[in-house]
Amino acid sequence: MIQCHSCRGYLFFAPFPADIFACCSLRGESVKNIDLKKGVSRAIWEHGIRGHLCLLFKPGKSVCHVSWRKPFALSQTRKEGEEYIRSRL
């Protein structure tokens, strides 16, 4: 997951304290592409968990990343994603 965790396309959602769900925006995925049983989308499964290098990798921080300076400033993408996941669970 090292490559995914440091990619701008990595979207992650934590609707509950012990749960994290992830997908890849570079591959056109959204929160709706996440397999809620696995907690990840197909791209994250292949390029993160299974470890195949991703040719679309863009180094940087995810838009879902929270700054330590503003710990309560969540991006709109993350807010909507977490709301969607909570409604599905």
N, C-alpha and C. Protein backbone atom coordinates (compact mmCIF):
# COMPACT_ATOMS: atom_id res chain seq x y z
N MET A 1 0.81 -1.20 0.00
CA MET A 1 0.00 0.00 0.00
C MET A 1 0.85 1.26 0.00
N ILE A 2 2.17 1.13 0.03
CA ILE A 2 3.03 2.31 0.11
C ILE A 2 2.79 3.25 -1.06
N GLN A 3 2.73 2.70 -2.27
CA GLN A 3 2.52 3.56 -3.44
C GLN A 3 1.15 4.25 -3.37
N CYS A 4 0.12 3.51 -3.05
CA CYS A 4 -1.23 4.09 -2.96
C CYS A 4 -1.29 5.18 -1.89
N HIS A 5 -0.71 4.91 -0.73
CA HIS A 5 -0.78 5.87 0.37
C HIS A 5 -0.12 7.20 0.05
N SER A 6 0.83 7.21 -0.89
CA SER A 6 1.52 8.47 -1.21
C SER A 6 1.15 9.00 -2.59
N CYS A 7 -0.06 8.68 -3.05
CA CYS A 7 -0.52 9.09 -4.38
C CYS A 7 -1.66 10.10 -4.26
N ARG A 8 -1.65 11.11 -5.12
CA ARG A 8 -2.73 12.12 -5.12
C ARG A 8 -4.07 11.52 -5.49
N GLY A 9 -4.07 10.40 -6.21
CA GLY A 9 -5.33 9.80 -6.63
C GLY A 9 -5.97 8.91 -5.58
N TYR A 10 -5.28 8.68 -4.48
CA TYR A 10 -5.78 7.80 -3.42
C TYR A 10 -6.86 8.51 -2.62
N LEU A 11 -8.07 7.99 -2.65
CA LEU A 11 -9.17 8.56 -1.87
C LEU A 11 -9.48 7.60 -0.73
N PHE A 12 -9.53 8.10 0.47
CA PHE A 12 -9.86 7.23 1.60
C PHE A 12 -10.93 7.89 2.46
N PHE A 13 -11.70 7.04 3.09
CA PHE A 13 -12.84 7.48 3.89
C PHE A 13 -12.84 6.71 5.20
N ALA A 14 -13.10 7.39 6.29
CA ALA A 14 -13.15 6.76 7.62
C ALA A 14 -14.47 7.15 8.29
N PRO A 15 -15.57 6.53 7.85
CA PRO A 15 -16.88 6.92 8.39
C PRO A 15 -17.07 6.57 9.85
N PHE A 16 -16.32 5.57 10.33
CA PHE A 16 -16.35 5.14 11.72
C PHE A 16 -14.91 5.02 12.20
N PRO A 17 -14.65 5.17 13.49
CA PRO A 17 -13.28 5.19 14.00
C PRO A 17 -12.40 4.01 13.58
N ALA A 18 -12.94 2.81 13.49
CA ALA A 18 -12.11 1.64 13.20
C ALA A 18 -12.15 1.22 11.73
N ASP A 19 -12.79 1.96 10.87
CA ASP A 19 -12.95 1.56 9.48
C ASP A 19 -12.32 2.56 8.52
N ILE A 20 -11.62 2.04 7.52
CA ILE A 20 -11.10 2.88 6.43
C ILE A 20 -11.44 2.20 5.12
N PHE A 21 -12.02 2.97 4.21
CA PHE A 21 -12.39 2.49 2.89
C PHE A 21 -11.61 3.31 1.87
N ALA A 22 -11.17 2.68 0.75
CA ALA A 22 -10.32 3.39 -0.19
C ALA A 22 -10.65 3.07 -1.64
N CYS A 23 -10.40 4.06 -2.51
CA CYS A 23 -10.53 3.88 -3.95
C CYS A 23 -9.54 4.80 -4.66
N CYS A 24 -9.45 4.71 -5.98
CA CYS A 24 -8.47 5.47 -6.75
C CYS A 24 -9.16 6.39 -7.76
N SER A 25 -9.01 7.69 -7.57
CA SER A 25 -9.63 8.64 -8.49
C SER A 25 -8.92 8.67 -9.84
N LEU A 26 -7.63 8.31 -9.88
CA LEU A 26 -6.90 8.32 -11.15
C LEU A 26 -7.44 7.28 -12.12
N ARG A 27 -8.01 6.24 -11.60
CA ARG A 27 -8.59 5.18 -12.43
C ARG A 27 -10.09 5.38 -12.61
N GLY A 28 -10.57 6.58 -12.29
CA GLY A 28 -11.98 6.91 -12.50
C GLY A 28 -12.92 6.33 -11.46
N GLU A 29 -12.38 5.90 -10.34
CA GLU A 29 -13.22 5.31 -9.31
C GLU A 29 -13.74 6.39 -8.35
N SER A 30 -14.82 6.03 -7.69
CA SER A 30 -15.38 6.90 -6.65
C SER A 30 -15.76 6.00 -5.49
N VAL A 31 -16.34 6.57 -4.48
CA VAL A 31 -16.74 5.81 -3.31
C VAL A 31 -17.70 4.68 -3.69
N LYS A 32 -18.44 4.83 -4.76
CA LYS A 32 -19.39 3.82 -5.20
C LYS A 32 -18.72 2.57 -5.75
N ASN A 33 -17.43 2.65 -6.07
CA ASN A 33 -16.69 1.49 -6.58
C ASN A 33 -16.05 0.65 -5.48
N ILE A 34 -16.20 1.06 -4.24
CA ILE A 34 -15.59 0.33 -3.13
C ILE A 34 -16.43 -0.89 -2.78
N ASP A 35 -15.77 -2.04 -2.67
CA ASP A 35 -16.41 -3.25 -2.18
C ASP A 35 -16.45 -3.11 -0.65
N LEU A 36 -17.61 -2.91 -0.10
CA LEU A 36 -17.72 -2.63 1.33
C LEU A 36 -17.28 -3.80 2.20
N LYS A 37 -17.31 -5.02 1.68
CA LYS A 37 -16.83 -6.17 2.46
C LYS A 37 -15.31 -6.17 2.55
N LYS A 38 -14.63 -5.81 1.45
CA LYS A 38 -13.17 -5.75 1.44
C LYS A 38 -12.65 -4.43 1.99
N GLY A 39 -13.42 -3.37 1.79
CA GLY A 39 -13.01 -2.04 2.23
C GLY A 39 -12.20 -1.28 1.20
N VAL A 40 -12.01 -1.87 0.02
CA VAL A 40 -11.23 -1.23 -1.04
C VAL A 40 -11.88 -1.46 -2.40
N SER A 41 -11.51 -0.62 -3.35
CA SER A 41 -11.99 -0.77 -4.72
C SER A 41 -11.07 -1.75 -5.45
N ARG A 42 -11.41 -2.05 -6.69
CA ARG A 42 -10.61 -2.99 -7.48
C ARG A 42 -9.19 -2.47 -7.70
N ALA A 43 -9.03 -1.19 -8.03
CA ALA A 43 -7.70 -0.63 -8.28
C ALA A 43 -6.82 -0.68 -7.04
N ILE A 44 -7.37 -0.35 -5.90
CA ILE A 44 -6.59 -0.40 -4.65
C ILE A 44 -6.25 -1.85 -4.32
N TRP A 45 -7.16 -2.75 -4.58
CA TRP A 45 -6.89 -4.18 -4.35
C TRP A 45 -5.70 -4.63 -5.19
N GLU A 46 -5.70 -4.25 -6.47
CA GLU A 46 -4.63 -4.68 -7.38
C GLU A 46 -3.31 -3.96 -7.12
N HIS A 47 -3.35 -2.65 -6.98
CA HIS A 47 -2.12 -1.87 -6.91
C HIS A 47 -1.67 -1.56 -5.50
N GLY A 48 -2.53 -1.76 -4.53
CA GLY A 48 -2.15 -1.52 -3.15
C GLY A 48 -1.90 -2.82 -2.42
N ILE A 49 -2.94 -3.58 -2.23
CA ILE A 49 -2.84 -4.80 -1.43
C ILE A 49 -2.04 -5.89 -2.15
N ARG A 50 -2.27 -6.08 -3.43
CA ARG A 50 -1.54 -7.10 -4.17
C ARG A 50 -0.18 -6.61 -4.63
N GLY A 51 0.03 -5.30 -4.56
CA GLY A 51 1.36 -4.74 -4.76
C GLY A 51 1.87 -4.55 -6.17
N HIS A 52 1.01 -4.65 -7.20
CA HIS A 52 1.47 -4.38 -8.56
C HIS A 52 1.70 -2.88 -8.72
N LEU A 53 2.80 -2.50 -9.31
CA LEU A 53 3.07 -1.07 -9.49
C LEU A 53 2.02 -0.45 -10.40
N CYS A 54 1.64 0.77 -10.09
CA CYS A 54 0.61 1.49 -10.84
C CYS A 54 1.28 2.47 -11.79
N LEU A 55 0.94 2.39 -13.05
CA LEU A 55 1.51 3.28 -14.06
C LEU A 55 0.90 4.68 -14.02
N LEU A 56 -0.21 4.85 -13.32
CA LEU A 56 -0.86 6.15 -13.20
C LEU A 56 -0.46 6.89 -11.93
N PHE A 57 0.44 6.34 -11.16
CA PHE A 57 0.87 6.89 -9.88
C PHE A 57 1.25 8.37 -9.99
N LYS A 58 0.66 9.21 -9.14
CA LYS A 58 0.97 10.64 -9.06
C LYS A 58 1.39 10.95 -7.63
N PRO A 59 2.67 11.17 -7.39
CA PRO A 59 3.11 11.42 -6.02
C PRO A 59 2.45 12.66 -5.42
N GLY A 60 2.14 12.57 -4.17
CA GLY A 60 1.53 13.70 -3.47
C GLY A 60 0.54 13.23 -2.44
N LYS A 61 -0.16 14.17 -1.81
CA LYS A 61 -1.13 13.84 -0.78
C LYS A 61 -2.53 13.77 -1.36
N SER A 62 -3.29 12.86 -0.86
CA SER A 62 -4.69 12.70 -1.25
C SER A 62 -5.49 13.93 -0.86
N VAL A 63 -6.55 14.23 -1.60
CA VAL A 63 -7.44 15.33 -1.23
C VAL A 63 -8.17 14.99 0.07
N CYS A 64 -8.16 13.73 0.45
CA CYS A 64 -8.82 13.30 1.68
C CYS A 64 -7.92 13.45 2.90
N HIS A 65 -6.66 13.77 2.67
CA HIS A 65 -5.70 13.94 3.76
C HIS A 65 -6.11 15.12 4.64
N VAL A 66 -5.93 14.96 5.94
CA VAL A 66 -6.27 16.02 6.89
C VAL A 66 -4.98 16.67 7.39
N SER A 67 -4.90 17.95 7.29
CA SER A 67 -3.73 18.69 7.75
C SER A 67 -3.69 18.73 9.27
N TRP A 68 -2.52 18.60 9.84
CA TRP A 68 -2.40 18.69 11.30
C TRP A 68 -2.71 20.11 11.78
N ARG A 69 -2.58 21.07 10.89
CA ARG A 69 -2.90 22.45 11.26
C ARG A 69 -4.40 22.70 11.33
N LYS A 70 -5.15 21.99 10.49
CA LYS A 70 -6.61 22.13 10.48
C LYS A 70 -7.24 20.73 10.54
N PRO A 71 -7.21 20.11 11.70
CA PRO A 71 -7.67 18.72 11.82
C PRO A 71 -9.15 18.49 11.56
N PHE A 72 -9.95 19.54 11.56
CA PHE A 72 -11.38 19.37 11.32
C PHE A 72 -11.82 19.85 9.94
N ALA A 73 -10.87 20.22 9.11
CA ALA A 73 -11.18 20.70 7.76
C ALA A 73 -11.13 19.53 6.77
N LEU A 74 -12.21 18.79 6.68
CA LEU A 74 -12.29 17.66 5.75
C LEU A 74 -12.72 18.16 4.37
N SER A 75 -12.17 17.53 3.34
CA SER A 75 -12.55 17.91 1.98
C SER A 75 -13.99 17.49 1.71
N GLN A 76 -14.62 18.15 0.76
CA GLN A 76 -15.99 17.81 0.39
C GLN A 76 -16.08 16.38 -0.13
N THR A 77 -15.06 15.93 -0.86
CA THR A 77 -15.02 14.57 -1.39
C THR A 77 -15.09 13.57 -0.24
N ARG A 78 -14.29 13.81 0.79
CA ARG A 78 -14.28 12.89 1.92
C ARG A 78 -15.59 12.92 2.70
N LYS A 79 -16.15 14.12 2.91
CA LYS A 79 -17.42 14.24 3.64
C LYS A 79 -18.53 13.47 2.92
N GLU A 80 -18.64 13.68 1.61
CA GLU A 80 -19.69 13.01 0.83
C GLU A 80 -19.47 11.51 0.79
N GLY A 81 -18.22 11.08 0.65
CA GLY A 81 -17.91 9.66 0.63
C GLY A 81 -18.25 8.97 1.94
N GLU A 82 -17.92 9.59 3.04
CA GLU A 82 -18.20 9.00 4.34
C GLU A 82 -19.70 8.95 4.60
N GLU A 83 -20.42 9.96 4.15
CA GLU A 83 -21.87 9.96 4.29
C GLU A 83 -22.48 8.83 3.46
N TYR A 84 -21.97 8.63 2.24
CA TYR A 84 -22.46 7.56 1.37
C TYR A 84 -22.22 6.19 2.02
N ILE A 85 -21.02 5.98 2.53
CA ILE A 85 -20.69 4.68 3.15
C ILE A 85 -21.56 4.43 4.37
N ARG A 86 -21.75 5.43 5.21
CA ARG A 86 -22.60 5.26 6.39
C ARG A 86 -24.03 4.89 5.99
N SER A 87 -24.51 5.46 4.91
CA SER A 87 -25.88 5.14 4.48
C SER A 87 -25.99 3.73 3.92
N ARG A 88 -24.87 3.18 3.43
CA ARG A 88 -24.89 1.83 2.85
C ARG A 88 -24.67 0.74 3.88
N LEU A 89 -24.05 1.08 5.00
CA LEU A 89 -23.74 0.06 6.01
C LEU A 89 -24.91 -0.19 6.95
